N, C-alpha and C. Protein backbone atom coordinates (compact mmCIF):
# COMPACT_ATOMS: atom_id res chain seq x y z
N UNK A 1 25.00 38.20 8.27
CA UNK A 1 23.85 37.30 7.58
C UNK A 1 23.61 36.97 6.28
N UNK A 2 23.65 35.58 5.87
CA UNK A 2 23.56 34.89 4.83
C UNK A 2 22.08 35.16 3.93
N UNK A 3 22.39 35.30 2.67
CA UNK A 3 21.23 35.58 1.98
C UNK A 3 20.68 34.39 1.03
N UNK A 4 19.48 34.04 1.00
CA UNK A 4 19.05 32.65 0.41
C UNK A 4 18.58 33.17 -1.07
N UNK A 5 18.61 32.36 -2.15
CA UNK A 5 18.32 32.81 -3.31
C UNK A 5 16.76 31.66 -2.84
N UNK A 6 15.53 32.11 -2.94
CA UNK A 6 14.42 31.45 -2.48
C UNK A 6 14.01 30.53 -3.45
N UNK A 7 13.90 30.91 -4.80
CA UNK A 7 13.62 29.84 -5.90
C UNK A 7 14.32 28.95 -5.85
N UNK A 8 15.84 28.75 -5.56
CA UNK A 8 16.60 27.54 -5.66
C UNK A 8 16.42 26.93 -4.69
N UNK A 9 16.30 27.36 -3.44
CA UNK A 9 15.88 27.09 -2.02
C UNK A 9 14.60 25.99 -2.28
N UNK A 10 13.54 26.51 -2.89
CA UNK A 10 12.62 25.61 -3.52
C UNK A 10 12.68 24.48 -4.02
N UNK A 11 13.58 24.78 -5.13
CA UNK A 11 14.03 23.54 -6.12
C UNK A 11 14.58 22.88 -5.69
N UNK A 12 15.59 23.08 -4.70
CA UNK A 12 16.16 21.99 -4.12
C UNK A 12 15.52 20.91 -3.16
N UNK A 13 14.41 21.57 -2.74
CA UNK A 13 13.47 20.76 -1.61
C UNK A 13 12.73 19.71 -2.17
N UNK A 14 12.40 20.65 -3.40
CA UNK A 14 10.85 19.66 -4.37
C UNK A 14 12.08 18.36 -4.63
N UNK A 15 13.91 18.79 -5.26
CA UNK A 15 14.13 17.81 -5.78
C UNK A 15 14.65 16.65 -4.65
N UNK A 16 14.67 17.10 -3.58
CA UNK A 16 15.24 16.04 -2.48
C UNK A 16 13.44 15.15 -2.32
N UNK A 17 12.66 15.91 -2.34
CA UNK A 17 11.29 15.23 -1.90
C UNK A 17 10.92 13.98 -2.39
N UNK A 18 11.27 14.60 -3.96
CA UNK A 18 10.97 13.36 -5.06
C UNK A 18 11.57 12.07 -5.16
N UNK A 19 10.63 10.89 -5.35
CA UNK A 19 10.99 9.72 -5.03
C UNK A 19 10.58 9.24 -6.52
N UNK A 20 11.68 8.18 -7.15
CA UNK A 20 11.26 7.67 -8.27
C UNK A 20 9.98 6.81 -8.40
N UNK A 21 9.17 6.59 -9.65
CA UNK A 21 8.06 5.85 -9.32
C UNK A 21 8.32 4.34 -9.03
N UNK A 22 7.39 3.90 -8.49
CA UNK A 22 7.56 2.40 -8.00
C UNK A 22 7.87 1.55 -9.18
N UNK A 23 8.46 0.48 -9.22
CA UNK A 23 8.74 -0.56 -10.08
C UNK A 23 7.82 -1.62 -9.77
N UNK A 24 6.70 -1.99 -10.56
CA UNK A 24 5.91 -3.29 -10.43
C UNK A 24 6.84 -4.47 -10.11
N UNK A 25 8.19 -4.42 -10.31
CA UNK A 25 9.12 -5.72 -10.19
C UNK A 25 9.18 -5.61 -8.83
N UNK A 26 9.04 -4.49 -8.23
CA UNK A 26 9.70 -4.67 -6.72
C UNK A 26 8.40 -5.06 -5.90
N UNK A 27 7.29 -5.56 -6.31
CA UNK A 27 5.97 -6.10 -5.74
C UNK A 27 6.26 -6.93 -5.61
N UNK A 28 6.13 -7.56 -6.80
CA UNK A 28 5.77 -9.28 -7.44
C UNK A 28 6.35 -10.09 -5.92
N UNK A 29 5.38 -10.90 -5.75
CA UNK A 29 5.44 -11.84 -4.80
C UNK A 29 4.42 -11.74 -3.63
N UNK A 30 4.38 -12.42 -2.59
CA UNK A 30 3.46 -12.33 -1.61
C UNK A 30 4.34 -11.61 -0.17
N UNK A 31 3.37 -10.46 0.13
CA UNK A 31 3.48 -9.96 1.57
C UNK A 31 2.42 -10.43 2.38
N UNK A 32 3.18 -10.69 3.51
CA UNK A 32 2.69 -11.15 5.08
C UNK A 32 2.08 -10.06 5.72
N UNK A 33 1.16 -9.75 6.06
CA UNK A 33 0.54 -8.41 6.92
C UNK A 33 1.05 -8.79 8.25
N UNK A 34 1.90 -7.82 8.73
CA UNK A 34 2.05 -7.93 10.12
C UNK A 34 1.27 -7.04 11.17
N UNK A 35 1.13 -5.91 10.33
CA UNK A 35 0.15 -5.18 11.29
C UNK A 35 -0.69 -4.12 10.65
N UNK A 36 -2.23 -4.25 11.05
CA UNK A 36 -2.97 -3.76 10.36
C UNK A 36 -3.97 -2.56 11.36
N UNK A 37 -3.67 -1.26 10.85
CA UNK A 37 -4.35 -0.15 11.74
C UNK A 37 -5.09 0.52 11.07
N UNK A 38 -6.46 1.08 11.58
CA UNK A 38 -7.36 1.98 11.45
C UNK A 38 -7.11 3.32 11.97
N UNK A 39 -6.21 3.81 11.64
CA UNK A 39 -5.70 5.29 12.46
C UNK A 39 -6.52 6.25 11.90
N UNK A 40 -7.69 6.54 11.43
CA UNK A 40 -8.64 7.49 11.37
C UNK A 40 -9.74 7.26 12.20
N UNK A 41 -10.00 5.98 12.87
CA UNK A 41 -11.41 5.90 13.32
C UNK A 41 -11.33 6.46 14.70
N UNK A 42 -12.24 6.71 15.20
CA UNK A 42 -12.42 7.57 16.32
C UNK A 42 -12.89 6.32 17.35
N UNK A 43 -12.35 5.84 18.46
CA UNK A 43 -10.69 5.88 18.86
C UNK A 43 -10.09 4.81 17.55
N UNK A 44 -8.67 5.34 17.36
CA UNK A 44 -7.90 4.36 16.28
C UNK A 44 -8.00 2.74 16.71
N UNK A 45 -8.46 1.95 15.68
CA UNK A 45 -8.33 0.62 15.90
C UNK A 45 -7.13 -0.17 15.31
N UNK A 46 -6.96 -1.40 15.69
CA UNK A 46 -6.44 -2.38 14.89
C UNK A 46 -5.95 -3.93 14.95
N UNK A 47 -5.74 -4.20 14.48
CA UNK A 47 -6.23 -6.03 14.17
C UNK A 47 -4.71 -6.78 15.01
N UNK A 48 -5.45 -7.38 16.28
CA UNK A 48 -4.51 -7.79 17.10
C UNK A 48 -3.65 -8.72 17.03
N UNK A 49 -2.33 -9.00 17.38
CA UNK A 49 -1.18 -9.83 16.79
C UNK A 49 -1.74 -11.28 16.93
N UNK A 50 -2.69 -11.91 17.81
CA UNK A 50 -2.82 -13.22 17.76
C UNK A 50 -4.09 -13.50 16.60
N UNK A 51 -4.84 -12.52 16.11
CA UNK A 51 -5.64 -12.46 14.88
C UNK A 51 -4.95 -12.50 13.69
N UNK A 52 -4.02 -11.65 13.61
CA UNK A 52 -2.99 -11.97 12.62
C UNK A 52 -2.30 -13.21 12.16
N UNK A 53 -1.59 -13.48 13.46
CA UNK A 53 -1.40 -14.83 13.45
C UNK A 53 -2.01 -16.03 12.78
N UNK A 54 -3.24 -16.01 13.46
CA UNK A 54 -3.98 -17.10 13.17
C UNK A 54 -4.88 -17.17 11.38
N UNK A 55 -5.29 -15.54 11.11
CA UNK A 55 -5.65 -15.68 9.90
C UNK A 55 -4.56 -15.51 8.58
N UNK A 56 -3.40 -14.89 8.95
CA UNK A 56 -2.39 -15.09 8.21
C UNK A 56 -2.77 -14.38 6.79
N UNK A 57 -3.17 -13.31 7.16
CA UNK A 57 -3.41 -12.46 5.92
C UNK A 57 -2.31 -11.89 4.96
N UNK A 58 -2.53 -11.67 3.85
CA UNK A 58 -1.31 -11.23 2.56
C UNK A 58 -1.89 -10.75 1.51
N UNK A 59 -0.87 -10.19 0.78
CA UNK A 59 -1.32 -9.21 -0.42
C UNK A 59 -0.29 -9.94 -1.18
N UNK A 60 -0.60 -10.50 -2.71
CA UNK A 60 0.10 -11.05 -3.56
C UNK A 60 0.10 -10.19 -5.11
N UNK A 61 1.25 -9.83 -5.53
CA UNK A 61 1.31 -9.33 -6.80
C UNK A 61 1.80 -10.16 -7.71
N UNK A 62 1.41 -10.23 -8.87
CA UNK A 62 1.54 -11.43 -10.06
C UNK A 62 2.26 -10.45 -11.16
N UNK A 63 2.82 -11.04 -11.68
CA UNK A 63 3.37 -10.79 -13.08
C UNK A 63 2.62 -10.20 -14.05
N UNK A 64 1.42 -10.55 -13.99
CA UNK A 64 0.31 -9.88 -15.10
C UNK A 64 -0.64 -9.17 -14.56
N UNK A 65 0.00 -8.16 -13.58
CA UNK A 65 -0.69 -7.09 -12.50
C UNK A 65 -2.05 -7.49 -12.13
N UNK A 66 -1.91 -8.50 -11.59
CA UNK A 66 -2.91 -9.03 -10.97
C UNK A 66 -2.70 -8.95 -9.11
N UNK A 67 -3.78 -8.46 -8.43
CA UNK A 67 -3.40 -8.05 -6.80
C UNK A 67 -4.68 -9.15 -6.15
N UNK A 68 -4.15 -9.91 -5.48
CA UNK A 68 -4.94 -10.77 -4.70
C UNK A 68 -4.33 -10.56 -3.32
N UNK A 69 -6.07 -10.32 -2.27
CA UNK A 69 -5.92 -10.27 -0.73
C UNK A 69 -6.22 -11.80 -0.22
N UNK A 70 -5.54 -12.46 0.51
CA UNK A 70 -6.05 -13.51 1.28
C UNK A 70 -5.94 -13.20 2.70
N UNK A 71 -7.09 -13.67 3.09
CA UNK A 71 -7.44 -13.70 4.81
C UNK A 71 -7.93 -15.28 5.21
N UNK A 72 -7.29 -15.56 6.22
CA UNK A 72 -8.07 -17.09 6.63
C UNK A 72 -8.25 -18.06 5.54
N UNK A 73 -6.98 -17.73 4.84
CA UNK A 73 -6.75 -18.97 3.47
C UNK A 73 -7.92 -18.77 2.46
N UNK A 74 -8.74 -18.01 2.42
CA UNK A 74 -9.37 -17.56 1.61
C UNK A 74 -9.41 -15.94 0.84
N UNK A 75 -9.54 -16.25 -0.81
CA UNK A 75 -9.57 -14.57 -1.42
C UNK A 75 -10.40 -14.09 -0.69
N UNK A 76 -10.10 -12.81 -0.26
CA UNK A 76 -10.91 -11.62 0.15
C UNK A 76 -11.33 -10.82 -0.84
N UNK A 77 -10.04 -10.46 -1.97
CA UNK A 77 -10.21 -9.61 -2.57
C UNK A 77 -8.95 -9.62 -3.91
N UNK A 78 -9.85 -9.58 -5.12
CA UNK A 78 -8.77 -9.90 -6.19
C UNK A 78 -9.16 -8.80 -7.54
N UNK A 79 -8.10 -8.47 -8.42
CA UNK A 79 -8.27 -7.72 -9.43
C UNK A 79 -6.96 -7.25 -9.98
N UNK A 80 -7.14 -5.91 -10.31
CA UNK A 80 -5.65 -5.78 -11.32
C UNK A 80 -5.04 -4.61 -10.43
N UNK A 81 -3.78 -4.32 -11.04
CA UNK A 81 -3.13 -3.01 -10.47
C UNK A 81 -2.38 -2.61 -11.41
N UNK A 82 -2.12 -0.86 -11.38
CA UNK A 82 -1.59 -0.31 -12.03
C UNK A 82 -0.70 0.55 -11.11
N UNK A 83 0.24 0.96 -11.86
CA UNK A 83 1.46 2.00 -10.81
C UNK A 83 1.17 3.44 -11.40
N UNK A 84 0.99 4.59 -10.43
CA UNK A 84 0.63 5.59 -10.46
C UNK A 84 1.68 6.30 -9.80
N UNK A 85 2.94 6.63 -10.17
CA UNK A 85 4.25 6.88 -9.50
C UNK A 85 4.54 6.14 -8.07
N UNK A 86 4.33 6.81 -7.14
CA UNK A 86 4.49 6.14 -5.82
C UNK A 86 3.31 5.37 -5.23
N UNK A 87 2.19 5.31 -6.12
CA UNK A 87 0.93 4.42 -5.47
C UNK A 87 0.58 3.45 -6.40
N UNK A 88 -0.31 2.67 -6.03
CA UNK A 88 -1.13 1.50 -6.58
C UNK A 88 -2.22 2.12 -6.73
N UNK A 89 -2.77 2.14 -8.11
CA UNK A 89 -4.50 1.98 -8.31
C UNK A 89 -4.60 0.64 -8.77
N UNK A 90 -5.74 0.12 -7.67
CA UNK A 90 -6.31 -0.91 -7.72
C UNK A 90 -7.88 -1.01 -8.06
N UNK A 91 -8.05 -2.18 -9.00
CA UNK A 91 -9.20 -2.39 -9.51
C UNK A 91 -9.62 -3.61 -9.33
N UNK A 92 -10.78 -3.41 -7.97
CA UNK A 92 -11.02 -4.63 -7.73
C UNK A 92 -12.27 -5.31 -8.37
N UNK A 93 -12.30 -6.71 -8.68
CA UNK A 93 -13.58 -7.50 -9.57
C UNK A 93 -14.48 -7.58 -8.57
N UNK A 94 -15.65 -6.93 -8.56
CA UNK A 94 -16.66 -7.31 -7.75
C UNK A 94 -17.83 -8.29 -8.38
N UNK A 95 -18.71 -9.10 -7.84
CA UNK A 95 -19.65 -9.74 -8.15
C UNK A 95 -20.49 -8.90 -9.16
N UNK A 96 -21.00 -9.66 -10.49
CA UNK A 96 -21.82 -9.31 -11.16
C UNK A 96 -21.37 -8.38 -12.37
N UNK A 97 -19.93 -8.70 -12.43
CA UNK A 97 -19.02 -7.82 -13.39
C UNK A 97 -18.87 -6.43 -13.28
N UNK A 98 -19.10 -6.24 -11.88
CA UNK A 98 -18.70 -4.97 -11.67
C UNK A 98 -17.52 -4.49 -10.93
N UNK A 99 -16.81 -3.39 -10.82
CA UNK A 99 -15.53 -3.32 -10.02
C UNK A 99 -15.29 -1.86 -9.51
N UNK A 100 -14.67 -1.70 -8.81
CA UNK A 100 -14.36 -0.47 -8.00
C UNK A 100 -12.89 -0.13 -7.96
N UNK A 101 -12.36 0.99 -8.09
CA UNK A 101 -11.01 1.37 -8.35
C UNK A 101 -10.48 2.60 -7.13
N UNK A 102 -9.59 2.06 -6.67
CA UNK A 102 -8.88 2.97 -5.42
C UNK A 102 -7.43 2.72 -5.40
N UNK A 103 -7.12 4.06 -5.04
CA UNK A 103 -5.29 3.84 -4.62
C UNK A 103 -4.95 3.27 -3.12
N UNK A 104 -3.95 2.86 -3.10
CA UNK A 104 -2.92 2.32 -1.94
C UNK A 104 -1.84 2.99 -2.28
N UNK A 105 -1.85 4.06 -1.02
CA UNK A 105 -0.80 4.84 -1.13
C UNK A 105 0.29 3.94 -0.54
N UNK A 106 1.60 4.12 -1.14
CA UNK A 106 3.14 3.33 -0.60
C UNK A 106 3.71 4.37 -0.05
N UNK A 107 3.84 4.29 1.31
CA UNK A 107 4.80 5.13 2.20
C UNK A 107 6.07 4.60 2.26
N UNK A 108 6.62 3.07 2.65
CA UNK A 108 7.49 2.29 2.36
C UNK A 108 7.53 1.20 1.78
N UNK A 109 8.50 1.40 1.01
CA UNK A 109 8.92 -0.09 -0.08
C UNK A 109 10.32 -0.41 -0.19
N UNK A 110 10.79 -1.60 0.73
CA UNK A 110 12.32 -2.05 0.48
C UNK A 110 12.13 -3.51 -0.01
N UNK A 111 13.18 -4.21 -0.05
CA UNK A 111 13.14 -5.47 -0.30
C UNK A 111 12.55 -6.21 0.58
N UNK A 112 12.27 -5.72 1.56
CA UNK A 112 11.95 -6.93 2.79
C UNK A 112 10.52 -6.13 3.40
N UNK A 113 10.41 -4.77 3.44
CA UNK A 113 8.95 -4.17 4.02
C UNK A 113 7.99 -3.44 2.96
N UNK A 114 6.90 -3.25 3.22
CA UNK A 114 5.82 -2.52 2.83
C UNK A 114 5.07 -1.92 3.72
N UNK A 115 4.89 -0.50 3.39
CA UNK A 115 3.53 0.15 4.46
C UNK A 115 3.00 0.97 3.32
N UNK A 116 1.72 0.52 3.12
CA UNK A 116 0.63 1.27 2.50
C UNK A 116 -0.70 1.31 3.28
N UNK A 117 -1.30 2.57 2.64
CA UNK A 117 -2.85 2.59 3.10
C UNK A 117 -3.92 3.41 2.05
N UNK A 118 -5.50 3.38 2.66
CA UNK A 118 -6.24 3.91 1.96
C UNK A 118 -6.49 4.70 2.91
N UNK A 119 -7.48 5.96 2.02
CA UNK A 119 -7.24 7.24 3.14
C UNK A 119 -8.78 7.02 3.19
N UNK A 120 -9.15 8.25 4.29
CA UNK A 120 -10.76 8.25 4.38
C UNK A 120 -11.03 7.87 5.56
N UNK A 121 -12.13 7.81 6.12
CA UNK A 121 -12.86 7.55 7.59
C UNK A 121 -12.56 5.91 7.89
N UNK A 122 -12.68 5.19 6.80
CA UNK A 122 -12.30 3.88 6.83
C UNK A 122 -10.73 3.25 6.40
N UNK A 123 -10.26 4.36 6.29
CA UNK A 123 -8.77 4.26 5.70
C UNK A 123 -8.20 2.79 6.83
N UNK A 124 -7.11 2.04 6.04
CA UNK A 124 -6.39 1.10 6.59
C UNK A 124 -4.94 1.12 6.22
N UNK A 125 -4.32 1.31 7.51
CA UNK A 125 -2.46 1.27 7.20
C UNK A 125 -2.13 -0.32 7.23
N UNK A 126 -1.61 -0.65 6.36
CA UNK A 126 -0.98 -1.93 6.45
C UNK A 126 0.39 -2.06 6.27
N UNK A 127 1.11 -2.72 7.25
CA UNK A 127 2.65 -3.22 7.25
C UNK A 127 2.62 -4.40 6.92
N UNK A 128 3.66 -4.42 6.13
CA UNK A 128 3.84 -6.11 5.55
C UNK A 128 5.14 -6.65 5.61
N UNK A 129 5.54 -7.63 5.51
CA UNK A 129 6.93 -8.17 5.14
C UNK A 129 6.70 -9.07 3.94
N UNK A 130 7.96 -9.23 3.27
CA UNK A 130 7.97 -10.26 1.95
C UNK A 130 8.05 -11.71 2.59
N UNK A 131 7.59 -12.54 1.92
CA UNK A 131 7.27 -13.99 2.47
C UNK A 131 8.50 -14.60 1.50
């Protein structure tokens, strides 16, 4: 029977699970939404394929740390973003000089694909591809 050094095993698992922080340069550009769902709603909900084709939603990250969400050719939301390890902290600019800040949890980011989500009852999961 093999004996394991528990602290060493835990340390190795922690190291293996650590991902490097997101690099803003990896986000720059426009990302077209190909799937939008609300998995926390009862019952779970999603935006239909035809609606996504018609409304052509996207998210755009710029080099001046701006984030712009477009839906049906109109700006739905805009503001600034910062990176918090594997997450995007987004400060949305609201009318009247107000703002609100919330995180987007990035679960997948490659050169071509990104999956991010907000949490909570109204949480949304978005799958997007680089335009």
